Amino acid sequence: MAGHSKWANIQHRKGRQDAVRAKLFSKLSKEITVAAKMGDPDPDKNPRLRLAVKEAKAVSMPKDNIERAIKKSQGGDAENYDEIRYEGYGPSGVAVIVEAMTDNRNRTASNVRSTFSKHGGNLGETGSVAFMFDRKGQVVYPLAVGDAETIMLAAIDAGAEDVETGEDEHVIWCEDTDLAAVSSALEEALGEASSTRLVWKPQTTTELDLDGARALMKLIDALEDDDDVQKVTANFEMSDEVMAEL
C-alpha cells in the first residue's frame, strides 16, 4: 500500500498507538462536528456524517465521543472551521497533500509552511501536486471476510470500480461520489468494514531508500502532530527491508 497506509503501519510498529489514538479521536470528532453542522445531525440523512461516524467506529472510538461530537454541532458555541488543502513536495520529491480544518487560516498556513521548510520540503500552490492523485472512495475489509472472488463479486454488485487483495486485507475502490452508496451495499453483503473513507490515491509512487524514508516520516509525523491537520497523504513506496529499519 502507498503513502498513508504504510505510515499507519509504521506508527504501530513504533509503539506510538496511544498518542496516535488520542490525536485521531480528536480529528475524527472535529470531522463529525463539522459534518453534522453542515447538514443533518442524523447520520441516516447526512452521507458525510454517516461516513465520518463509520470511520470513527472502525477505529473503536467510543459511542459517547461520537454522540458528544454530534451534539456539539447543535450548540451555539460550536466553532466555525474552514476546510483547506495544502500541497507541496517533501524530501526526495515526494508529493504531499495536507487536509486541514482550521478556525484560523493564517495560523495554519504559517505552521504548515514552516513544517515543510524545517523538514526538507516545499509548500506549493493549490493544484501543484493534486493532479498526481485521484480522489477515490476506499472501503477496506479483513481477509477473513471472504476470498478474492467473493469480495470481487460483492464489489461489482455494489457498484465499485476495483478490488485489490493483499496479504492483510481487501481494498475496494469506487468513485468518490459513490462512496456512501457503495459502502452501504457492501455492508449489507459483507458486514461492517474495517475502514470507509475518501482518500487521495496516487497515480504513481516514488520508491524511497532508508534515508529518504526517515526524512519523509519526520515531515509526515510533524504535520500530523498539528491539531489543525486532519489527514496527510504522500505518493511513496518503501520495501519491507526499509520499513523494518525505521
C-alpha atoms as a PDB file:
ATOM      1  CA  MET A   1       0.000   0.000   0.000  1.00  0.00           C
ATOM      2  CA  ALA A   2       1.210   3.502  -0.701  1.00  0.00           C
ATOM      3  CA  GLY A   3       1.535   6.547   1.443  1.00  0.00           C
ATOM      4  CA  HIS A   4      -0.761   6.852   4.386  1.00  0.00           C
ATOM      5  CA  SER A   5      -1.388   3.133   4.898  1.00  0.00           C
ATOM      6  CA  LYS A   6       2.337   2.464   5.165  1.00  0.00           C
ATOM      7  CA  TRP A   7       2.671   5.269   7.691  1.00  0.00           C
ATOM      8  CA  ALA A   8      -0.129   3.798   9.807  1.00  0.00           C
ATOM      9  CA  ASN A   9       1.774   0.509   9.929  1.00  0.00           C
ATOM     10  CA  ILE A  10       4.982   2.282  10.888  1.00  0.00           C
ATOM     11  CA  GLN A  11       3.269   4.169  13.702  1.00  0.00           C
ATOM     12  CA  HIS A  12       2.027   0.884  15.077  1.00  0.00           C
ATOM     13  CA  ARG A  13       5.493  -0.655  14.958  1.00  0.00           C
ATOM     14  CA  LYS A  14       6.962   2.328  16.791  1.00  0.00           C
ATOM     15  CA  GLY A  15       4.567   1.826  19.681  1.00  0.00           C
ATOM     16  CA  ARG A  16       3.018   5.267  19.247  1.00  0.00           C
ATOM     17  CA  GLN A  17      -0.509   3.897  19.278  1.00  0.00           C
ATOM     18  CA  ASP A  18      -1.794   5.579  22.459  1.00  0.00           C
ATOM     19  CA  ALA A  19      -0.713   9.063  21.445  1.00  0.00           C
ATOM     20  CA  VAL A  20      -1.791   8.486  17.870  1.00  0.00           C
ATOM     21  CA  ARG A  21      -5.169   7.159  19.015  1.00  0.00           C
ATOM     22  CA  ALA A  22      -5.906  10.235  21.147  1.00  0.00           C
ATOM     23  CA  LYS A  23      -4.912  12.532  18.286  1.00  0.00           C
ATOM     24  CA  LEU A  24      -7.008  10.511  15.834  1.00  0.00           C
ATOM     25  CA  PHE A  25     -10.098  10.658  18.067  1.00  0.00           C
ATOM     26  CA  SER A  26      -9.718  14.434  18.265  1.00  0.00           C
ATOM     27  CA  LYS A  27      -9.504  14.776  14.480  1.00  0.00           C
ATOM     28  CA  LEU A  28     -12.467  12.432  13.929  1.00  0.00           C
ATOM     29  CA  SER A  29     -14.533  14.377  16.471  1.00  0.00           C
ATOM     30  CA  LYS A  30     -13.847  17.575  14.552  1.00  0.00           C
ATOM     31  CA  GLU A  31     -14.918  15.959  11.263  1.00  0.00           C
ATOM     32  CA  ILE A  32     -18.116  14.616  12.865  1.00  0.00           C
ATOM     33  CA  THR A  33     -18.965  18.027  14.338  1.00  0.00           C
ATOM     34  CA  VAL A  34     -18.362  19.833  11.036  1.00  0.00           C
ATOM     35  CA  ALA A  35     -20.316  17.235   9.027  1.00  0.00           C
ATOM     36  CA  ALA A  36     -23.259  17.415  11.438  1.00  0.00           C
ATOM     37  CA  LYS A  37     -23.216  21.221  11.463  1.00  0.00           C
ATOM     38  CA  MET A  38     -23.155  21.468   7.664  1.00  0.00           C
ATOM     39  CA  GLY A  39     -26.011  19.008   7.197  1.00  0.00           C
ATOM     40  CA  ASP A  40     -28.488  16.981   9.222  1.00  0.00           C
ATOM     41  CA  PRO A  41     -27.378  15.702  12.650  1.00  0.00           C
ATOM     42  CA  ASP A  42     -28.950  12.335  11.774  1.00  0.00           C
ATOM     43  CA  PRO A  43     -26.304  10.151  10.054  1.00  0.00           C
ATOM     44  CA  ASP A  44     -29.029   8.375   8.059  1.00  0.00           C
ATOM     45  CA  LYS A  45     -29.908  11.697   6.404  1.00  0.00           C
ATOM     46  CA  ASN A  46     -26.365  13.045   6.048  1.00  0.00           C
ATOM     47  CA  PRO A  47     -23.933  10.993   3.874  1.00  0.00           C
ATOM     48  CA  ARG A  48     -20.831  12.891   5.016  1.00  0.00           C
ATOM     49  CA  LEU A  49     -21.727  12.446   8.665  1.00  0.00           C
ATOM     50  CA  ARG A  50     -22.535   8.766   8.090  1.00  0.00           C
ATOM     51  CA  LEU A  51     -19.064   8.211   6.623  1.00  0.00           C
ATOM     52  CA  ALA A  52     -17.415  10.122   9.473  1.00  0.00           C
ATOM     53  CA  VAL A  53     -19.240   8.013  12.053  1.00  0.00           C
ATOM     54  CA  LYS A  54     -18.304   4.813  10.177  1.00  0.00           C
ATOM     55  CA  GLU A  55     -14.650   5.806  10.210  1.00  0.00           C
ATOM     56  CA  ALA A  56     -14.838   6.606  13.929  1.00  0.00           C
ATOM     57  CA  LYS A  57     -16.441   3.254  14.714  1.00  0.00           C
ATOM     58  CA  ALA A  58     -13.821   1.445  12.623  1.00  0.00           C
ATOM     59  CA  VAL A  59     -11.082   2.656  14.993  1.00  0.00           C
ATOM     60  CA  SER A  60     -13.207   1.851  18.080  1.00  0.00           C
ATOM     61  CA  MET A  61     -13.953   5.439  19.006  1.00  0.00           C
ATOM     62  CA  PRO A  62     -16.355   5.309  21.997  1.00  0.00           C
ATOM     63  CA  LYS A  63     -20.034   5.878  21.247  1.00  0.00           C
ATOM     64  CA  ASP A  64     -20.141   8.670  23.848  1.00  0.00           C
ATOM     65  CA  ASN A  65     -17.428  10.569  21.964  1.00  0.00           C
ATOM     66  CA  ILE A  66     -19.358  10.276  18.703  1.00  0.00           C
ATOM     67  CA  GLU A  67     -22.620  11.453  20.269  1.00  0.00           C
ATOM     68  CA  ARG A  68     -20.833  14.318  22.031  1.00  0.00           C
ATOM     69  CA  ALA A  69     -19.312  15.484  18.737  1.00  0.00           C
ATOM     70  CA  ILE A  70     -22.719  15.451  17.029  1.00  0.00           C
ATOM     71  CA  LYS A  71     -24.348  17.252  19.937  1.00  0.00           C
ATOM     72  CA  LYS A  72     -21.608  19.891  19.879  1.00  0.00           C
ATOM     73  CA  SER A  73     -22.604  20.795  16.310  1.00  0.00           C
ATOM     74  CA  GLN A  74     -26.061  21.809  17.503  1.00  0.00           C
ATOM     75  CA  GLY A  75     -24.823  24.113  20.243  1.00  0.00           C
ATOM     76  CA  GLY A  76     -24.317  27.815  19.800  1.00  0.00           C
ATOM     77  CA  ASP A  77     -20.678  27.533  20.883  1.00  0.00           C
ATOM     78  CA  ALA A  78     -19.618  25.196  18.077  1.00  0.00           C
ATOM     79  CA  GLU A  79     -16.510  26.521  16.340  1.00  0.00           C
ATOM     80  CA  ASN A  80     -16.575  27.507  12.691  1.00  0.00           C
ATOM     81  CA  TYR A  81     -13.918  25.630  10.741  1.00  0.00           C
ATOM     82  CA  ASP A  82     -12.647  26.273   7.234  1.00  0.00           C
ATOM     83  CA  GLU A  83     -11.546  23.245   5.228  1.00  0.00           C
ATOM     84  CA  ILE A  84      -8.263  23.856   3.426  1.00  0.00           C
ATOM     85  CA  ARG A  85      -5.997  21.680   1.293  1.00  0.00           C
ATOM     86  CA  TYR A  86      -2.266  22.343   1.156  1.00  0.00           C
ATOM     87  CA  GLU A  87       0.008  20.772  -1.441  1.00  0.00           C
ATOM     88  CA  GLY A  88       3.754  20.513  -1.717  1.00  0.00           C
ATOM     89  CA  TYR A  89       6.819  18.349  -2.067  1.00  0.00           C
ATOM     90  CA  GLY A  90       8.668  16.539   0.674  1.00  0.00           C
ATOM     91  CA  PRO A  91      12.177  15.054   0.716  1.00  0.00           C
ATOM     92  CA  SER A  92      13.109  13.016  -2.404  1.00  0.00           C
ATOM     93  CA  GLY A  93      10.497  14.933  -4.392  1.00  0.00           C
ATOM     94  CA  VAL A  94       7.581  13.024  -2.850  1.00  0.00           C
ATOM     95  CA  ALA A  95       4.224  14.740  -3.479  1.00  0.00           C
ATOM     96  CA  VAL A  96       2.320  15.554  -0.277  1.00  0.00           C
ATOM     97  CA  ILE A  97      -1.323  16.576   0.238  1.00  0.00           C
ATOM     98  CA  VAL A  98      -2.334  18.019   3.619  1.00  0.00           C
ATOM     99  CA  GLU A  99      -6.020  18.336   4.508  1.00  0.00           C
ATOM    100  CA  ALA A 100      -6.799  20.700   7.355  1.00  0.00           C
ATOM    101  CA  MET A 101      -9.725  22.140   9.298  1.00  0.00           C
ATOM    102  CA  THR A 102      -8.998  25.431  10.998  1.00  0.00           C
ATOM    103  CA  ASP A 103     -10.566  28.382  12.766  1.00  0.00           C
ATOM    104  CA  ASN A 104      -7.513  30.492  11.863  1.00  0.00           C
ATOM    105  CA  ARG A 105      -6.284  30.249   8.262  1.00  0.00           C
ATOM    106  CA  ASN A 106      -3.200  32.401   8.859  1.00  0.00           C
ATOM    107  CA  ARG A 107      -2.012  30.281  11.785  1.00  0.00           C
ATOM    108  CA  THR A 108      -2.459  27.008   9.929  1.00  0.00           C
ATOM    109  CA  ALA A 109      -0.847  28.227   6.702  1.00  0.00           C
ATOM    110  CA  SER A 110       2.139  29.540   8.648  1.00  0.00           C
ATOM    111  CA  ASN A 111       2.530  26.302  10.630  1.00  0.00           C
ATOM    112  CA  VAL A 112       2.236  24.044   7.579  1.00  0.00           C
ATOM    113  CA  ARG A 113       4.673  26.161   5.543  1.00  0.00           C
ATOM    114  CA  SER A 114       7.160  26.190   8.433  1.00  0.00           C
ATOM    115  CA  THR A 115       6.861  22.404   8.904  1.00  0.00           C
ATOM    116  CA  PHE A 116       7.577  21.755   5.228  1.00  0.00           C
ATOM    117  CA  SER A 117      10.620  24.057   5.327  1.00  0.00           C
ATOM    118  CA  LYS A 118      12.049  22.564   8.526  1.00  0.00           C
ATOM    119  CA  HIS A 119      11.871  19.026   7.136  1.00  0.00           C
ATOM    120  CA  GLY A 120      13.351  19.461   3.678  1.00  0.00           C
ATOM    121  CA  GLY A 121      10.132  20.119   1.800  1.00  0.00           C
ATOM    122  CA  ASN A 122       8.484  22.955  -0.089  1.00  0.00           C
ATOM    123  CA  LEU A 123       4.877  24.093   0.150  1.00  0.00           C
ATOM    124  CA  GLY A 124       3.414  24.733  -3.276  1.00  0.00           C
ATOM    125  CA  GLU A 125       0.295  26.344  -4.697  1.00  0.00           C
ATOM    126  CA  THR A 126      -3.111  24.661  -4.623  1.00  0.00           C
ATOM    127  CA  GLY A 127      -3.168  22.215  -7.522  1.00  0.00           C
ATOM    128  CA  SER A 128       0.604  21.829  -7.672  1.00  0.00           C
ATOM    129  CA  VAL A 129       0.501  18.098  -6.837  1.00  0.00           C
ATOM    130  CA  ALA A 130      -3.197  17.125  -6.706  1.00  0.00           C
ATOM    131  CA  PHE A 131      -3.085  16.227 -10.418  1.00  0.00           C
ATOM    132  CA  MET A 132      -0.821  13.313  -9.440  1.00  0.00           C
ATOM    133  CA  PHE A 133      -3.610  11.764  -7.353  1.00  0.00           C
ATOM    134  CA  ASP A 134      -7.192  10.595  -7.954  1.00  0.00           C
ATOM    135  CA  ARG A 135      -9.913  11.360  -5.409  1.00  0.00           C
ATOM    136  CA  LYS A 136     -11.443   7.981  -4.619  1.00  0.00           C
ATOM    137  CA  GLY A 137     -13.664   6.172  -2.151  1.00  0.00           C
ATOM    138  CA  GLN A 138     -11.906   3.371  -0.288  1.00  0.00           C
ATOM    139  CA  VAL A 139     -13.540   0.545   1.671  1.00  0.00           C
ATOM    140  CA  VAL A 140     -11.322  -1.953   3.478  1.00  0.00           C
ATOM    141  CA  TYR A 141     -12.237  -5.429   4.743  1.00  0.00           C
ATOM    142  CA  PRO A 142     -10.085  -8.003   6.547  1.00  0.00           C
ATOM    143  CA  LEU A 143      -9.117 -11.133   4.610  1.00  0.00           C
ATOM    144  CA  ALA A 144     -11.305 -13.270   6.867  1.00  0.00           C
ATOM    145  CA  VAL A 145     -14.475 -11.815   5.301  1.00  0.00           C
ATOM    146  CA  GLY A 146     -14.040 -13.953   2.179  1.00  0.00           C
ATOM    147  CA  ASP A 147     -11.789 -14.973  -0.697  1.00  0.00           C
ATOM    148  CA  ALA A 148     -10.859 -12.614  -3.514  1.00  0.00           C
ATOM    149  CA  GLU A 149     -13.618 -13.865  -5.840  1.00  0.00           C
ATOM    150  CA  THR A 150     -16.321 -13.406  -3.194  1.00  0.00           C
ATOM    151  CA  ILE A 151     -15.177  -9.850  -2.486  1.00  0.00           C
ATOM    152  CA  MET A 152     -14.910  -9.026  -6.179  1.00  0.00           C
ATOM    153  CA  LEU A 153     -18.479 -10.181  -6.876  1.00  0.00           C
ATOM    154  CA  ALA A 154     -19.801  -8.196  -3.890  1.00  0.00           C
ATOM    155  CA  ALA A 155     -17.869  -5.132  -5.046  1.00  0.00           C
ATOM    156  CA  ILE A 156     -19.240  -5.372  -8.596  1.00  0.00           C
ATOM    157  CA  ASP A 157     -22.793  -5.717  -7.292  1.00  0.00           C
ATOM    158  CA  ALA A 158     -22.239  -2.674  -5.040  1.00  0.00           C
ATOM    159  CA  GLY A 159     -21.077  -0.529  -7.955  1.00  0.00           C
ATOM    160  CA  ALA A 160     -17.371  -0.407  -7.066  1.00  0.00           C
ATOM    161  CA  GLU A 161     -14.588   0.055  -9.634  1.00  0.00           C
ATOM    162  CA  ASP A 162     -11.819  -2.248  -8.465  1.00  0.00           C
ATOM    163  CA  VAL A 163     -10.596  -4.575  -5.702  1.00  0.00           C
ATOM    164  CA  GLU A 164      -7.023  -5.101  -4.517  1.00  0.00           C
ATOM    165  CA  THR A 165      -6.463  -8.148  -2.308  1.00  0.00           C
ATOM    166  CA  GLY A 166      -3.190  -8.081  -0.371  1.00  0.00           C
ATOM    167  CA  GLU A 167      -1.599 -10.073   2.431  1.00  0.00           C
ATOM    168  CA  ASP A 168      -3.716  -8.490   5.158  1.00  0.00           C
ATOM    169  CA  GLU A 169      -6.861  -7.024   3.625  1.00  0.00           C
ATOM    170  CA  HIS A 170      -9.199  -6.439   0.704  1.00  0.00           C
ATOM    171  CA  VAL A 171      -9.217  -2.828  -0.538  1.00  0.00           C
ATOM    172  CA  ILE A 172     -12.265  -1.851  -2.589  1.00  0.00           C
ATOM    173  CA  TRP A 173     -12.152   1.292  -4.726  1.00  0.00           C
ATOM    174  CA  CYS A 174     -15.003   3.409  -6.077  1.00  0.00           C
ATOM    175  CA  GLU A 175     -15.724   6.913  -7.357  1.00  0.00           C
ATOM    176  CA  ASP A 176     -15.622   9.468  -4.546  1.00  0.00           C
ATOM    177  CA  THR A 177     -19.231  10.461  -5.160  1.00  0.00           C
ATOM    178  CA  ASP A 178     -20.356   6.815  -4.907  1.00  0.00           C
ATOM    179  CA  LEU A 179     -18.717   6.009  -1.562  1.00  0.00           C
ATOM    180  CA  ALA A 180     -21.826   6.306   0.619  1.00  0.00           C
ATOM    181  CA  ALA A 181     -23.915   4.096  -1.681  1.00  0.00           C
ATOM    182  CA  VAL A 182     -21.159   1.546  -2.336  1.00  0.00           C
ATOM    183  CA  SER A 183     -20.197   1.217   1.333  1.00  0.00           C
ATOM    184  CA  SER A 184     -23.836   0.730   2.355  1.00  0.00           C
ATOM    185  CA  ALA A 185     -24.325  -2.000  -0.268  1.00  0.00           C
ATOM    186  CA  LEU A 186     -21.094  -3.718   0.812  1.00  0.00           C
ATOM    187  CA  GLU A 187     -22.146  -3.563   4.446  1.00  0.00           C
ATOM    188  CA  GLU A 188     -25.360  -5.422   3.600  1.00  0.00           C
ATOM    189  CA  ALA A 189     -23.397  -8.107   1.720  1.00  0.00           C
ATOM    190  CA  LEU A 190     -20.241  -8.430   3.832  1.00  0.00           C
ATOM    191  CA  GLY A 191     -20.924  -6.753   7.178  1.00  0.00           C
ATOM    192  CA  GLU A 192     -19.125  -3.812   8.783  1.00  0.00           C
ATOM    193  CA  ALA A 193     -15.950  -2.656   7.008  1.00  0.00           C
ATOM    194  CA  SER A 194     -12.717  -2.040   8.888  1.00  0.00           C
ATOM    195  CA  SER A 195     -12.366   1.322   7.136  1.00  0.00           C
ATOM    196  CA  THR A 196     -14.548   3.549   4.934  1.00  0.00           C
ATOM    197  CA  ARG A 197     -13.110   6.835   3.754  1.00  0.00           C
ATOM    198  CA  LEU A 198     -12.378   9.296   0.972  1.00  0.00           C
ATOM    199  CA  VAL A 199      -8.707   9.220   0.005  1.00  0.00           C
ATOM    200  CA  TRP A 200      -6.215  10.674  -2.454  1.00  0.00           C
ATOM    201  CA  LYS A 201      -4.964   7.674  -4.442  1.00  0.00           C
ATOM    202  CA  PRO A 202      -1.523   8.226  -6.017  1.00  0.00           C
ATOM    203  CA  GLN A 203      -1.308   7.620  -9.760  1.00  0.00           C
ATOM    204  CA  THR A 204       2.407   6.857  -9.419  1.00  0.00           C
ATOM    205  CA  THR A 205       4.689   6.384  -6.410  1.00  0.00           C
ATOM    206  CA  THR A 206       8.301   7.174  -5.522  1.00  0.00           C
ATOM    207  CA  GLU A 207      10.414   4.348  -4.079  1.00  0.00           C
ATOM    208  CA  LEU A 208      12.355   5.551  -1.023  1.00  0.00           C
ATOM    209  CA  ASP A 209      15.626   4.287   0.414  1.00  0.00           C
ATOM    210  CA  LEU A 210      16.196   4.303   4.176  1.00  0.00           C
ATOM    211  CA  ASP A 211      17.496   7.889   4.399  1.00  0.00           C
ATOM    212  CA  GLY A 212      14.692   9.185   2.210  1.00  0.00           C
ATOM    213  CA  ALA A 213      12.082   7.269   4.204  1.00  0.00           C
ATOM    214  CA  ARG A 214      13.389   8.619   7.516  1.00  0.00           C
ATOM    215  CA  ALA A 215      13.339  12.188   6.224  1.00  0.00           C
ATOM    216  CA  LEU A 216       9.805  11.870   4.843  1.00  0.00           C
ATOM    217  CA  MET A 217       8.497  10.216   8.018  1.00  0.00           C
ATOM    218  CA  LYS A 218       9.771  13.165  10.071  1.00  0.00           C
ATOM    219  CA  LEU A 219       7.821  15.538   7.836  1.00  0.00           C
ATOM    220  CA  ILE A 220       4.616  13.476   7.937  1.00  0.00           C
ATOM    221  CA  ASP A 221       4.927  12.986  11.690  1.00  0.00           C
ATOM    222  CA  ALA A 222       5.329  16.727  12.274  1.00  0.00           C
ATOM    223  CA  LEU A 223       2.399  17.575  10.013  1.00  0.00           C
ATOM    224  CA  GLU A 224       0.096  15.035  11.663  1.00  0.00           C
ATOM    225  CA  ASP A 225       1.018  16.377  15.100  1.00  0.00           C
ATOM    226  CA  ASP A 226      -0.567  19.727  14.135  1.00  0.00           C
ATOM    227  CA  ASP A 227      -4.044  19.918  15.660  1.00  0.00           C
ATOM    228  CA  ASP A 228      -5.378  21.679  12.549  1.00  0.00           C
ATOM    229  CA  VAL A 229      -4.255  18.899  10.198  1.00  0.00           C
ATOM    230  CA  GLN A 230      -6.805  16.172   9.515  1.00  0.00           C
ATOM    231  CA  LYS A 231      -5.015  13.918   7.021  1.00  0.00           C
ATOM    232  CA  VAL A 232      -1.682  13.691   5.239  1.00  0.00           C
ATOM    233  CA  THR A 233      -1.223  11.715   2.015  1.00  0.00           C
ATOM    234  CA  ALA A 234       2.024  11.145   0.108  1.00  0.00           C
ATOM    235  CA  ASN A 235       2.876   9.166  -3.032  1.00  0.00           C
ATOM    236  CA  PHE A 236       5.714   6.991  -1.722  1.00  0.00           C
ATOM    237  CA  GLU A 237       6.581   3.312  -1.521  1.00  0.00           C
ATOM    238  CA  MET A 238       9.039   1.505   0.741  1.00  0.00           C
ATOM    239  CA  SER A 239      10.397  -2.003   0.657  1.00  0.00           C
ATOM    240  CA  ASP A 240       9.801  -4.299   3.626  1.00  0.00           C
ATOM    241  CA  GLU A 241      13.528  -4.072   4.350  1.00  0.00           C
ATOM    242  CA  VAL A 242      13.370  -0.273   4.643  1.00  0.00           C
ATOM    243  CA  MET A 243      10.232  -0.471   6.799  1.00  0.00           C
ATOM    244  CA  ALA A 244      11.959  -2.901   9.139  1.00  0.00           C
ATOM    245  CA  GLU A 245      14.803  -0.414   9.653  1.00  0.00           C
ATOM    246  CA  LEU A 246      12.576   2.536  10.559  1.00  0.00           C
END
